Amino acid sequence: MKFNTGAALVVMSFGLFAGAVSAKPSLAPTVVTPEAADKMVVIKETTKSVNVFENDTVLFKVGDKQFAVKFDGNNYVYDLGQLAPEGFLTHKVKVYVAPNPTLHEQGIP
């Protein structure tokens, strides 16, 4: 039986590529402990949207309740109600995540 070296290399390369893709970290926001937060945002009845940067860990205060979220990715829009614990929000609030200017050399010159 003949062994096809070219086919074996293609299969091995595909396996390495698939492993690299599956090792990619999740960029979804994660709920964390309030003590981990480095910023605070107060959500009022009039709050329609919030702007944050990637890698921000934000403490959201809603009345006398609070929760914190770490935003790992950027250029995303999230519904804060999907991230908040059940019953925290009474209205829709969008969270816009922008690239962190200190990480991407962006900003005002």
PDB file of N, CA and C in Angstrom:
ATOM      1  N   MET A   1       0.845  -1.182   0.000  1.00  0.00           N
ATOM      2  CA  MET A   1       0.000   0.000   0.000  1.00  0.00           C
ATOM      3  C   MET A   1       0.887   1.242   0.000  1.00  0.00           C
ATOM      4  N   LYS A   2       0.543   2.174  -0.856  1.00  0.00           N
ATOM      5  CA  LYS A   2       1.305   3.410  -0.981  1.00  0.00           C
ATOM      6  C   LYS A   2       0.755   4.456  -0.004  1.00  0.00           C
ATOM      7  N   PHE A   3       1.662   5.225   0.597  1.00  0.00           N
ATOM      8  CA  PHE A   3       1.254   6.291   1.527  1.00  0.00           C
ATOM      9  C   PHE A   3       1.362   7.620   0.806  1.00  0.00           C
ATOM     10  N   ASN A   4       0.291   8.396   0.785  1.00  0.00           N
ATOM     11  CA  ASN A   4       0.266   9.682   0.102  1.00  0.00           C
ATOM     12  C   ASN A   4       0.697  10.777   1.079  1.00  0.00           C
ATOM     13  N   THR A   5       1.925  11.233   0.960  1.00  0.00           N
ATOM     14  CA  THR A   5       2.482  12.234   1.883  1.00  0.00           C
ATOM     15  C   THR A   5       1.748  13.561   1.782  1.00  0.00           C
ATOM     16  N   GLY A   6       1.398  13.951   0.559  1.00  0.00           N
ATOM     17  CA  GLY A   6       0.692  15.230   0.371  1.00  0.00           C
ATOM     18  C   GLY A   6      -0.640  15.250   1.091  1.00  0.00           C
ATOM     19  N   ALA A   7      -1.403  14.175   0.972  1.00  0.00           N
ATOM     20  CA  ALA A   7      -2.707  14.103   1.643  1.00  0.00           C
ATOM     21  C   ALA A   7      -2.536  14.121   3.156  1.00  0.00           C
ATOM     22  N   ALA A   8      -1.495  13.447   3.645  1.00  0.00           N
ATOM     23  CA  ALA A   8      -1.252  13.426   5.092  1.00  0.00           C
ATOM     24  C   ALA A   8      -0.930  14.819   5.601  1.00  0.00           C
ATOM     25  N   LEU A   9      -0.157  15.590   4.857  1.00  0.00           N
ATOM     26  CA  LEU A   9       0.181  16.953   5.271  1.00  0.00           C
ATOM     27  C   LEU A   9      -1.052  17.847   5.292  1.00  0.00           C
ATOM     28  N   VAL A  10      -1.926  17.679   4.305  1.00  0.00           N
ATOM     29  CA  VAL A  10      -3.157  18.474   4.268  1.00  0.00           C
ATOM     30  C   VAL A  10      -4.015  18.153   5.483  1.00  0.00           C
ATOM     31  N   VAL A  11      -4.175  16.878   5.794  1.00  0.00           N
ATOM     32  CA  VAL A  11      -4.984  16.472   6.946  1.00  0.00           C
ATOM     33  C   VAL A  11      -4.376  16.996   8.236  1.00  0.00           C
ATOM     34  N   MET A  12      -3.049  16.901   8.376  1.00  0.00           N
ATOM     35  CA  MET A  12      -2.382  17.399   9.586  1.00  0.00           C
ATOM     36  C   MET A  12      -2.521  18.914   9.690  1.00  0.00           C
ATOM     37  N   SER A  13      -2.376  19.634   8.577  1.00  0.00           N
ATOM     38  CA  SER A  13      -2.509  21.090   8.590  1.00  0.00           C
ATOM     39  C   SER A  13      -3.909  21.502   8.991  1.00  0.00           C
ATOM     40  N   PHE A  14      -4.905  20.797   8.440  1.00  0.00           N
ATOM     41  CA  PHE A  14      -6.285  21.104   8.789  1.00  0.00           C
ATOM     42  C   PHE A  14      -6.524  20.877  10.277  1.00  0.00           C
ATOM     43  N   GLY A  15      -5.962  19.817  10.820  1.00  0.00           N
ATOM     44  CA  GLY A  15      -6.114  19.526  12.245  1.00  0.00           C
ATOM     45  C   GLY A  15      -5.499  20.609  13.105  1.00  0.00           C
ATOM     46  N   LEU A  16      -4.337  21.113  12.723  1.00  0.00           N
ATOM     47  CA  LEU A  16      -3.698  22.198  13.473  1.00  0.00           C
ATOM     48  C   LEU A  16      -4.520  23.473  13.378  1.00  0.00           C
ATOM     49  N   PHE A  17      -5.035  23.771  12.166  1.00  0.00           N
ATOM     50  CA  PHE A  17      -5.855  24.964  11.979  1.00  0.00           C
ATOM     51  C   PHE A  17      -7.128  24.882  12.806  1.00  0.00           C
ATOM     52  N   ALA A  18      -7.786  23.745  12.789  1.00  0.00           N
ATOM     53  CA  ALA A  18      -9.019  23.565  13.561  1.00  0.00           C
ATOM     54  C   ALA A  18      -8.746  23.709  15.051  1.00  0.00           C
ATOM     55  N   GLY A  19      -7.603  23.207  15.515  1.00  0.00           N
ATOM     56  CA  GLY A  19      -7.245  23.358  16.925  1.00  0.00           C
ATOM     57  C   GLY A  19      -7.024  24.803  17.294  1.00  0.00           C
ATOM     58  N   ALA A  20      -6.402  25.570  16.388  1.00  0.00           N
ATOM     59  CA  ALA A  20      -6.157  26.985  16.659  1.00  0.00           C
ATOM     60  C   ALA A  20      -7.459  27.765  16.706  1.00  0.00           C
ATOM     61  N   VAL A  21      -8.388  27.429  15.825  1.00  0.00           N
ATOM     62  CA  VAL A  21      -9.672  28.120  15.810  1.00  0.00           C
ATOM     63  C   VAL A  21     -10.465  27.810  17.063  1.00  0.00           C
ATOM     64  N   SER A  22     -10.474  26.573  17.500  1.00  0.00           N
ATOM     65  CA  SER A  22     -11.256  26.212  18.681  1.00  0.00           C
ATOM     66  C   SER A  22     -10.635  26.756  19.963  1.00  0.00           C
ATOM     67  N   ALA A  23      -9.348  27.116  19.933  1.00  0.00           N
ATOM     68  CA  ALA A  23      -8.691  27.647  21.118  1.00  0.00           C
ATOM     69  C   ALA A  23      -8.953  29.140  21.305  1.00  0.00           C
ATOM     70  N   LYS A  24      -9.656  29.758  20.361  1.00  0.00           N
ATOM     71  CA  LYS A  24      -9.929  31.190  20.428  1.00  0.00           C
ATOM     72  C   LYS A  24     -10.780  31.514  21.664  1.00  0.00           C
ATOM     73  N   PRO A  25     -10.376  32.506  22.465  1.00  0.00           N
ATOM     74  CA  PRO A  25     -11.146  32.825  23.665  1.00  0.00           C
ATOM     75  C   PRO A  25     -12.487  33.476  23.321  1.00  0.00           C
ATOM     76  N   SER A  26     -13.439  33.311  24.185  1.00  0.00           N
ATOM     77  CA  SER A  26     -14.750  33.928  24.002  1.00  0.00           C
ATOM     78  C   SER A  26     -14.648  35.420  24.288  1.00  0.00           C
ATOM     79  N   LEU A  27     -15.280  36.221  23.434  1.00  0.00           N
ATOM     80  CA  LEU A  27     -15.284  37.664  23.640  1.00  0.00           C
ATOM     81  C   LEU A  27     -16.612  38.140  24.205  1.00  0.00           C
ATOM     82  N   ALA A  28     -17.453  37.211  24.585  1.00  0.00           N
ATOM     83  CA  ALA A  28     -18.746  37.573  25.156  1.00  0.00           C
ATOM     84  C   ALA A  28     -18.541  38.201  26.530  1.00  0.00           C
ATOM     85  N   PRO A  29     -19.393  39.166  26.883  1.00  0.00           N
ATOM     86  CA  PRO A  29     -19.291  39.759  28.215  1.00  0.00           C
ATOM     87  C   PRO A  29     -19.605  38.725  29.289  1.00  0.00           C
ATOM     88  N   THR A  30     -18.975  38.883  30.441  1.00  0.00           N
ATOM     89  CA  THR A  30     -19.212  37.955  31.539  1.00  0.00           C
ATOM     90  C   THR A  30     -19.593  38.728  32.798  1.00  0.00           C
ATOM     91  N   VAL A  31     -20.555  38.199  33.520  1.00  0.00           N
ATOM     92  CA  VAL A  31     -20.944  38.799  34.795  1.00  0.00           C
ATOM     93  C   VAL A  31     -19.880  38.427  35.817  1.00  0.00           C
ATOM     94  N   VAL A  32     -19.400  39.422  36.562  1.00  0.00           N
ATOM     95  CA  VAL A  32     -18.344  39.226  37.551  1.00  0.00           C
ATOM     96  C   VAL A  32     -18.798  39.801  38.885  1.00  0.00           C
ATOM     97  N   THR A  33     -17.976  39.656  39.905  1.00  0.00           N
ATOM     98  CA  THR A  33     -18.331  40.206  41.218  1.00  0.00           C
ATOM     99  C   THR A  33     -18.234  41.730  41.185  1.00  0.00           C
ATOM    100  N   PRO A  34     -19.069  42.423  41.929  1.00  0.00           N
ATOM    101  CA  PRO A  34     -19.018  43.887  41.948  1.00  0.00           C
ATOM    102  C   PRO A  34     -17.653  44.439  42.362  1.00  0.00           C
ATOM    103  N   GLU A  35     -16.916  43.702  43.181  1.00  0.00           N
ATOM    104  CA  GLU A  35     -15.601  44.173  43.633  1.00  0.00           C
ATOM    105  C   GLU A  35     -14.588  44.233  42.488  1.00  0.00           C
ATOM    106  N   ALA A  36     -14.833  43.506  41.408  1.00  0.00           N
ATOM    107  CA  ALA A  36     -13.907  43.476  40.270  1.00  0.00           C
ATOM    108  C   ALA A  36     -14.046  44.709  39.379  1.00  0.00           C
ATOM    109  N   ALA A  37     -15.099  45.488  39.555  1.00  0.00           N
ATOM    110  CA  ALA A  37     -15.372  46.622  38.669  1.00  0.00           C
ATOM    111  C   ALA A  37     -14.365  47.750  38.848  1.00  0.00           C
ATOM    112  N   ASP A  38     -14.034  48.397  37.718  1.00  0.00           N
ATOM    113  CA  ASP A  38     -13.158  49.566  37.767  1.00  0.00           C
ATOM    114  C   ASP A  38     -13.884  50.839  37.335  1.00  0.00           C
ATOM    115  N   LYS A  39     -15.157  50.693  36.938  1.00  0.00           N
ATOM    116  CA  LYS A  39     -15.991  51.839  36.581  1.00  0.00           C
ATOM    117  C   LYS A  39     -17.398  51.581  37.087  1.00  0.00           C
ATOM    118  N   MET A  40     -18.171  52.677  37.242  1.00  0.00           N
ATOM    119  CA  MET A  40     -19.550  52.533  37.693  1.00  0.00           C
ATOM    120  C   MET A  40     -20.464  53.351  36.799  1.00  0.00           C
ATOM    121  N   VAL A  41     -21.613  52.774  36.458  1.00  0.00           N
ATOM    122  CA  VAL A  41     -22.633  53.464  35.672  1.00  0.00           C
ATOM    123  C   VAL A  41     -23.954  53.314  36.411  1.00  0.00           C
ATOM    124  N   VAL A  42     -24.628  54.433  36.632  1.00  0.00           N
ATOM    125  CA  VAL A  42     -25.944  54.415  37.272  1.00  0.00           C
ATOM    126  C   VAL A  42     -26.990  54.393  36.164  1.00  0.00           C
ATOM    127  N   ILE A  43     -27.850  53.396  36.198  1.00  0.00           N
ATOM    128  CA  ILE A  43     -28.922  53.257  35.209  1.00  0.00           C
ATOM    129  C   ILE A  43     -30.188  53.873  35.791  1.00  0.00           C
ATOM    130  N   LYS A  44     -30.716  54.881  35.099  1.00  0.00           N
ATOM    131  CA  LYS A  44     -31.955  55.545  35.516  1.00  0.00           C
ATOM    132  C   LYS A  44     -33.060  55.167  34.535  1.00  0.00           C
ATOM    133  N   GLU A  45     -34.278  55.562  34.820  1.00  0.00           N
ATOM    134  CA  GLU A  45     -35.411  55.302  33.927  1.00  0.00           C
ATOM    135  C   GLU A  45     -35.208  55.958  32.567  1.00  0.00           C
ATOM    136  N   THR A  46     -34.441  57.042  32.514  1.00  0.00           N
ATOM    137  CA  THR A  46     -34.210  57.766  31.262  1.00  0.00           C
ATOM    138  C   THR A  46     -32.996  57.250  30.482  1.00  0.00           C
ATOM    139  N   THR A  47     -32.232  56.320  31.063  1.00  0.00           N
ATOM    140  CA  THR A  47     -31.037  55.798  30.398  1.00  0.00           C
ATOM    141  C   THR A  47     -31.445  54.897  29.232  1.00  0.00           C
ATOM    142  N   LYS A  48     -31.012  55.261  28.043  1.00  0.00           N
ATOM    143  CA  LYS A  48     -31.325  54.471  26.846  1.00  0.00           C
ATOM    144  C   LYS A  48     -30.124  53.663  26.377  1.00  0.00           C
ATOM    145  N   SER A  49     -28.908  54.208  26.612  1.00  0.00           N
ATOM    146  CA  SER A  49     -27.699  53.513  26.167  1.00  0.00           C
ATOM    147  C   SER A  49     -26.518  53.898  27.041  1.00  0.00           C
ATOM    148  N   VAL A  50     -25.491  53.060  26.979  1.00  0.00           N
ATOM    149  CA  VAL A  50     -24.272  53.242  27.760  1.00  0.00           C
ATOM    150  C   VAL A  50     -23.091  52.948  26.830  1.00  0.00           C
ATOM    151  N   ASN A  51     -22.029  53.734  26.926  1.00  0.00           N
ATOM    152  CA  ASN A  51     -20.815  53.496  26.152  1.00  0.00           C
ATOM    153  C   ASN A  51     -19.720  52.995  27.079  1.00  0.00           C
ATOM    154  N   VAL A  52     -19.060  51.905  26.676  1.00  0.00           N
ATOM    155  CA  VAL A  52     -17.928  51.371  27.428  1.00  0.00           C
ATOM    156  C   VAL A  52     -16.827  50.999  26.441  1.00  0.00           C
ATOM    157  N   PHE A  53     -15.628  50.737  26.963  1.00  0.00           N
ATOM    158  CA  PHE A  53     -14.512  50.271  26.149  1.00  0.00           C
ATOM    159  C   PHE A  53     -14.294  48.783  26.374  1.00  0.00           C
ATOM    160  N   GLU A  54     -13.663  48.139  25.399  1.00  0.00           N
ATOM    161  CA  GLU A  54     -13.298  46.738  25.583  1.00  0.00           C
ATOM    162  C   GLU A  54     -12.392  46.630  26.802  1.00  0.00           C
ATOM    163  N   ASN A  55     -12.477  45.544  27.496  1.00  0.00           N
ATOM    164  CA  ASN A  55     -11.736  45.236  28.722  1.00  0.00           C
ATOM    165  C   ASN A  55     -12.179  46.054  29.927  1.00  0.00           C
ATOM    166  N   ASP A  56     -13.223  46.871  29.787  1.00  0.00           N
ATOM    167  CA  ASP A  56     -13.786  47.558  30.957  1.00  0.00           C
ATOM    168  C   ASP A  56     -14.564  46.549  31.793  1.00  0.00           C
ATOM    169  N   THR A  57     -14.467  46.693  33.096  1.00  0.00           N
ATOM    170  CA  THR A  57     -15.312  45.942  34.018  1.00  0.00           C
ATOM    171  C   THR A  57     -16.174  46.985  34.712  1.00  0.00           C
ATOM    172  N   VAL A  58     -17.464  46.951  34.430  1.00  0.00           N
ATOM    173  CA  VAL A  58     -18.375  48.023  34.819  1.00  0.00           C
ATOM    174  C   VAL A  58     -19.373  47.532  35.859  1.00  0.00           C
ATOM    175  N   LEU A  59     -19.518  48.322  36.918  1.00  0.00           N
ATOM    176  CA  LEU A  59     -20.539  48.090  37.933  1.00  0.00           C
ATOM    177  C   LEU A  59     -21.771  48.883  37.519  1.00  0.00           C
ATOM    178  N   PHE A  60     -22.869  48.209  37.285  1.00  0.00           N
ATOM    179  CA  PHE A  60     -24.126  48.865  36.937  1.00  0.00           C
ATOM    180  C   PHE A  60     -24.983  48.940  38.187  1.00  0.00           C
ATOM    181  N   LYS A  61     -25.409  50.157  38.534  1.00  0.00           N
ATOM    182  CA  LYS A  61     -26.296  50.363  39.684  1.00  0.00           C
ATOM    183  C   LYS A  61     -27.673  50.712  39.166  1.00  0.00           C
ATOM    184  N   VAL A  62     -28.658  49.946  39.631  1.00  0.00           N
ATOM    185  CA  VAL A  62     -30.047  50.155  39.254  1.00  0.00           C
ATOM    186  C   VAL A  62     -30.831  50.258  40.549  1.00  0.00           C
ATOM    187  N   GLY A  63     -31.152  51.495  40.942  1.00  0.00           N
ATOM    188  CA  GLY A  63     -31.802  51.697  42.241  1.00  0.00           C
ATOM    189  C   GLY A  63     -30.871  51.251  43.352  1.00  0.00           C
ATOM    190  N   ASP A  64     -31.335  50.336  44.213  1.00  0.00           N
ATOM    191  CA  ASP A  64     -30.493  49.847  45.308  1.00  0.00           C
ATOM    192  C   ASP A  64     -29.816  48.519  44.959  1.00  0.00           C
ATOM    193  N   LYS A  65     -29.940  48.085  43.691  1.00  0.00           N
ATOM    194  CA  LYS A  65     -29.327  46.835  43.245  1.00  0.00           C
ATOM    195  C   LYS A  65     -28.117  47.123  42.366  1.00  0.00           C
ATOM    196  N   GLN A  66     -27.219  46.165  42.272  1.00  0.00           N
ATOM    197  CA  GLN A  66     -26.044  46.342  41.434  1.00  0.00           C
ATOM    198  C   GLN A  66     -25.547  45.001  40.900  1.00  0.00           C
ATOM    199  N   PHE A  67     -24.857  45.065  39.765  1.00  0.00           N
ATOM    200  CA  PHE A  67     -24.199  43.897  39.173  1.00  0.00           C
ATOM    201  C   PHE A  67     -23.056  44.410  38.313  1.00  0.00           C
ATOM    202  N   ALA A  68     -22.075  43.568  38.058  1.00  0.00           N
ATOM    203  CA  ALA A  68     -20.896  43.977  37.287  1.00  0.00           C
ATOM    204  C   ALA A  68     -20.709  43.062  36.084  1.00  0.00           C
ATOM    205  N   VAL A  69     -20.195  43.653  34.993  1.00  0.00           N
ATOM    206  CA  VAL A  69     -19.956  42.920  33.755  1.00  0.00           C
ATOM    207  C   VAL A  69     -18.592  43.302  33.205  1.00  0.00           C
ATOM    208  N   LYS A  70     -17.825  42.295  32.750  1.00  0.00           N
ATOM    209  CA  LYS A  70     -16.547  42.536  32.066  1.00  0.00           C
ATOM    210  C   LYS A  70     -16.793  42.380  30.575  1.00  0.00           C
ATOM    211  N   PHE A  71     -16.399  43.415  29.808  1.00  0.00           N
ATOM    212  CA  PHE A  71     -16.576  43.426  28.361  1.00  0.00           C
ATOM    213  C   PHE A  71     -15.230  43.152  27.699  1.00  0.00           C
ATOM    214  N   ASP A  72     -15.061  41.936  27.154  1.00  0.00           N
ATOM    215  CA  ASP A  72     -13.780  41.549  26.567  1.00  0.00           C
ATOM    216  C   ASP A  72     -13.641  41.933  25.104  1.00  0.00           C
ATOM    217  N   GLY A  73     -14.715  41.954  24.359  1.00  0.00           N
ATOM    218  CA  GLY A  73     -14.640  42.264  22.929  1.00  0.00           C
ATOM    219  C   GLY A  73     -14.955  43.718  22.663  1.00  0.00           C
ATOM    220  N   ASN A  74     -14.893  44.115  21.393  1.00  0.00           N
ATOM    221  CA  ASN A  74     -15.258  45.478  21.027  1.00  0.00           C
ATOM    222  C   ASN A  74     -16.087  45.475  19.756  1.00  0.00           C
ATOM    223  N   ASN A  75     -16.609  46.653  19.424  1.00  0.00           N
ATOM    224  CA  ASN A  75     -17.460  46.834  18.250  1.00  0.00           C
ATOM    225  C   ASN A  75     -18.716  45.977  18.307  1.00  0.00           C
ATOM    226  N   TYR A  76     -19.269  45.859  19.483  1.00  0.00           N
ATOM    227  CA  TYR A  76     -20.494  45.101  19.679  1.00  0.00           C
ATOM    228  C   TYR A  76     -21.533  45.961  20.370  1.00  0.00           C
ATOM    229  N   VAL A  77     -22.781  45.605  20.198  1.00  0.00           N
ATOM    230  CA  VAL A  77     -23.894  46.236  20.901  1.00  0.00           C
ATOM    231  C   VAL A  77     -24.622  45.131  21.650  1.00  0.00           C
ATOM    232  N   TYR A  78     -24.841  45.342  22.932  1.00  0.00           N
ATOM    233  CA  TYR A  78     -25.515  44.348  23.765  1.00  0.00           C
ATOM    234  C   TYR A  78     -26.761  44.940  24.385  1.00  0.00           C
ATOM    235  N   ASP A  79     -27.735  44.093  24.634  1.00  0.00           N
ATOM    236  CA  ASP A  79     -28.920  44.449  25.393  1.00  0.00           C
ATOM    237  C   ASP A  79     -28.572  44.184  26.853  1.00  0.00           C
ATOM    238  N   LEU A  80     -28.495  45.241  27.651  1.00  0.00           N
ATOM    239  CA  LEU A  80     -28.096  45.089  29.046  1.00  0.00           C
ATOM    240  C   LEU A  80     -29.054  44.170  29.804  1.00  0.00           C
ATOM    241  N   GLY A  81     -30.304  44.132  29.387  1.00  0.00           N
ATOM    242  CA  GLY A  81     -31.275  43.245  30.020  1.00  0.00           C
ATOM    243  C   GLY A  81     -30.907  41.776  29.879  1.00  0.00           C
ATOM    244  N   GLN A  82     -30.183  41.427  28.804  1.00  0.00           N
ATOM    245  CA  GLN A  82     -29.734  40.050  28.611  1.00  0.00           C
ATOM    246  C   GLN A  82     -28.554  39.712  29.519  1.00  0.00           C
ATOM    247  N   LEU A  83     -27.821  40.728  29.967  1.00  0.00           N
ATOM    248  CA  LEU A  83     -26.660  40.516  30.831  1.00  0.00           C
ATOM    249  C   LEU A  83     -27.003  40.648  32.309  1.00  0.00           C
ATOM    250  N   ALA A  84     -28.026  41.440  32.605  1.00  0.00           N
ATOM    251  CA  ALA A  84     -28.417  41.709  33.995  1.00  0.00           C
ATOM    252  C   ALA A  84     -29.136  40.513  34.605  1.00  0.00           C
ATOM    253  N   PRO A  85     -29.007  40.362  35.919  1.00  0.00           N
ATOM    254  CA  PRO A  85     -29.800  39.330  36.602  1.00  0.00           C
ATOM    255  C   PRO A  85     -31.301  39.602  36.420  1.00  0.00           C
ATOM    256  N   GLU A  86     -32.080  38.573  36.537  1.00  0.00           N
ATOM    257  CA  GLU A  86     -33.536  38.649  36.358  1.00  0.00           C
ATOM    258  C   GLU A  86     -34.145  39.752  37.226  1.00  0.00           C
ATOM    259  N   GLY A  87     -34.965  40.610  36.598  1.00  0.00           N
ATOM    260  CA  GLY A  87     -35.714  41.620  37.336  1.00  0.00           C
ATOM    261  C   GLY A  87     -34.982  42.914  37.640  1.00  0.00           C
ATOM    262  N   PHE A  88     -33.747  43.078  37.161  1.00  0.00           N
ATOM    263  CA  PHE A  88     -32.992  44.293  37.456  1.00  0.00           C
ATOM    264  C   PHE A  88     -33.459  45.495  36.649  1.00  0.00           C
ATOM    265  N   LEU A  89     -33.750  45.285  35.374  1.00  0.00           N
ATOM    266  CA  LEU A  89     -34.116  46.401  34.497  1.00  0.00           C
ATOM    267  C   LEU A  89     -35.604  46.378  34.186  1.00  0.00           C
ATOM    268  N   THR A  90     -36.185  47.573  34.121  1.00  0.00           N
ATOM    269  CA  THR A  90     -37.595  47.688  33.769  1.00  0.00           C
ATOM    270  C   THR A  90     -37.770  48.238  32.359  1.00  0.00           C
ATOM    271  N   HIS A  91     -36.659  48.602  31.710  1.00  0.00           N
ATOM    272  CA  HIS A  91     -36.714  49.122  30.345  1.00  0.00           C
ATOM    273  C   HIS A  91     -35.453  48.685  29.583  1.00  0.00           C
ATOM    274  N   LYS A  92     -35.458  48.892  28.287  1.00  0.00           N
ATOM    275  CA  LYS A  92     -34.363  48.438  27.427  1.00  0.00           C
ATOM    276  C   LYS A  92     -33.200  49.445  27.476  1.00  0.00           C
ATOM    277  N   VAL A  93     -31.989  48.918  27.677  1.00  0.00           N
ATOM    278  CA  VAL A  93     -30.769  49.727  27.672  1.00  0.00           C
ATOM    279  C   VAL A  93     -29.747  49.012  26.795  1.00  0.00           C
ATOM    280  N   LYS A  94     -29.183  49.741  25.825  1.00  0.00           N
ATOM    281  CA  LYS A  94     -28.155  49.175  24.965  1.00  0.00           C
ATOM    282  C   LYS A  94     -26.780  49.546  25.501  1.00  0.00           C
ATOM    283  N   VAL A  95     -25.831  48.605  25.368  1.00  0.00           N
ATOM    284  CA  VAL A  95     -24.440  48.857  25.749  1.00  0.00           C
ATOM    285  C   VAL A  95     -23.608  48.788  24.479  1.00  0.00           C
ATOM    286  N   TYR A  96     -22.937  49.904  24.155  1.00  0.00           N
ATOM    287  CA  TYR A  96     -22.054  49.977  22.995  1.00  0.00           C
ATOM    288  C   TYR A  96     -20.616  49.807  23.475  1.00  0.00           C
ATOM    289  N   VAL A  97     -19.921  48.816  22.924  1.00  0.00           N
ATOM    290  CA  VAL A  97     -18.540  48.533  23.330  1.00  0.00           C
ATOM    291  C   VAL A  97     -17.609  48.993  22.210  1.00  0.00           C
ATOM    292  N   ALA A  98     -16.740  49.933  22.533  1.00  0.00           N
ATOM    293  CA  ALA A  98     -15.789  50.493  21.563  1.00  0.00           C
ATOM    294  C   ALA A  98     -14.392  49.938  21.818  1.00  0.00           C
ATOM    295  N   PRO A  99     -13.541  49.965  20.792  1.00  0.00           N
ATOM    296  CA  PRO A  99     -12.152  49.548  20.998  1.00  0.00           C
ATOM    297  C   PRO A  99     -11.489  50.436  22.044  1.00  0.00           C
ATOM    298  N   ASN A 100     -10.691  49.850  22.890  1.00  0.00           N
ATOM    299  CA  ASN A 100      -9.981  50.608  23.922  1.00  0.00           C
ATOM    300  C   ASN A 100      -8.857  51.399  23.249  1.00  0.00           C
ATOM    301  N   PRO A 101      -8.887  52.734  23.332  1.00  0.00           N
ATOM    302  CA  PRO A 101      -7.882  53.549  22.630  1.00  0.00           C
ATOM    303  C   PRO A 101      -6.457  53.302  23.128  1.00  0.00           C
ATOM    304  N   THR A 102      -6.289  52.882  24.360  1.00  0.00           N
ATOM    305  CA  THR A 102      -4.932  52.621  24.861  1.00  0.00           C
ATOM    306  C   THR A 102      -4.365  51.327  24.298  1.00  0.00           C
ATOM    307  N   LEU A 103      -5.228  50.437  23.819  1.00  0.00           N
ATOM    308  CA  LEU A 103      -4.772  49.174  23.241  1.00  0.00           C
ATOM    309  C   LEU A 103      -4.608  49.234  21.728  1.00  0.00           C
ATOM    310  N   HIS A 104      -5.303  50.162  21.086  1.00  0.00           N
ATOM    311  CA  HIS A 104      -5.318  50.208  19.624  1.00  0.00           C
ATOM    312  C   HIS A 104      -4.713  51.492  19.073  1.00  0.00           C
ATOM    313  N   GLU A 105      -4.059  52.272  19.875  1.00  0.00           N
ATOM    314  CA  GLU A 105      -3.422  53.529  19.462  1.00  0.00           C
ATOM    315  C   GLU A 105      -4.403  54.433  18.748  1.00  0.00           C
ATOM    316  N   GLN A 106      -5.650  54.466  19.235  1.00  0.00           N
ATOM    317  CA  GLN A 106      -6.642  55.358  18.697  1.00  0.00           C
ATOM    318  C   GLN A 106      -6.866  56.473  19.706  1.00  0.00           C
ATOM    319  N   GLY A 107      -7.547  57.474  19.284  1.00  0.00           N
ATOM    320  CA  GLY A 107      -7.870  58.539  20.205  1.00  0.00           C
ATOM    321  C   GLY A 107      -7.621  59.898  19.571  1.00  0.00           C
ATOM    322  N   ILE A 108      -7.737  60.903  20.369  1.00  0.00           N
ATOM    323  CA  ILE A 108      -7.560  62.264  19.896  1.00  0.00           C
ATOM    324  C   ILE A 108      -6.077  62.623  19.951  1.00  0.00           C
ATOM    325  N   PRO A 109      -5.506  63.075  18.828  1.00  0.00           N
ATOM    326  CA  PRO A 109      -4.073  63.429  18.827  1.00  0.00           C
ATOM    327  C   PRO A 109      -3.784  64.674  19.625  1.00  0.00           C
TER     328      PRO A 109
END
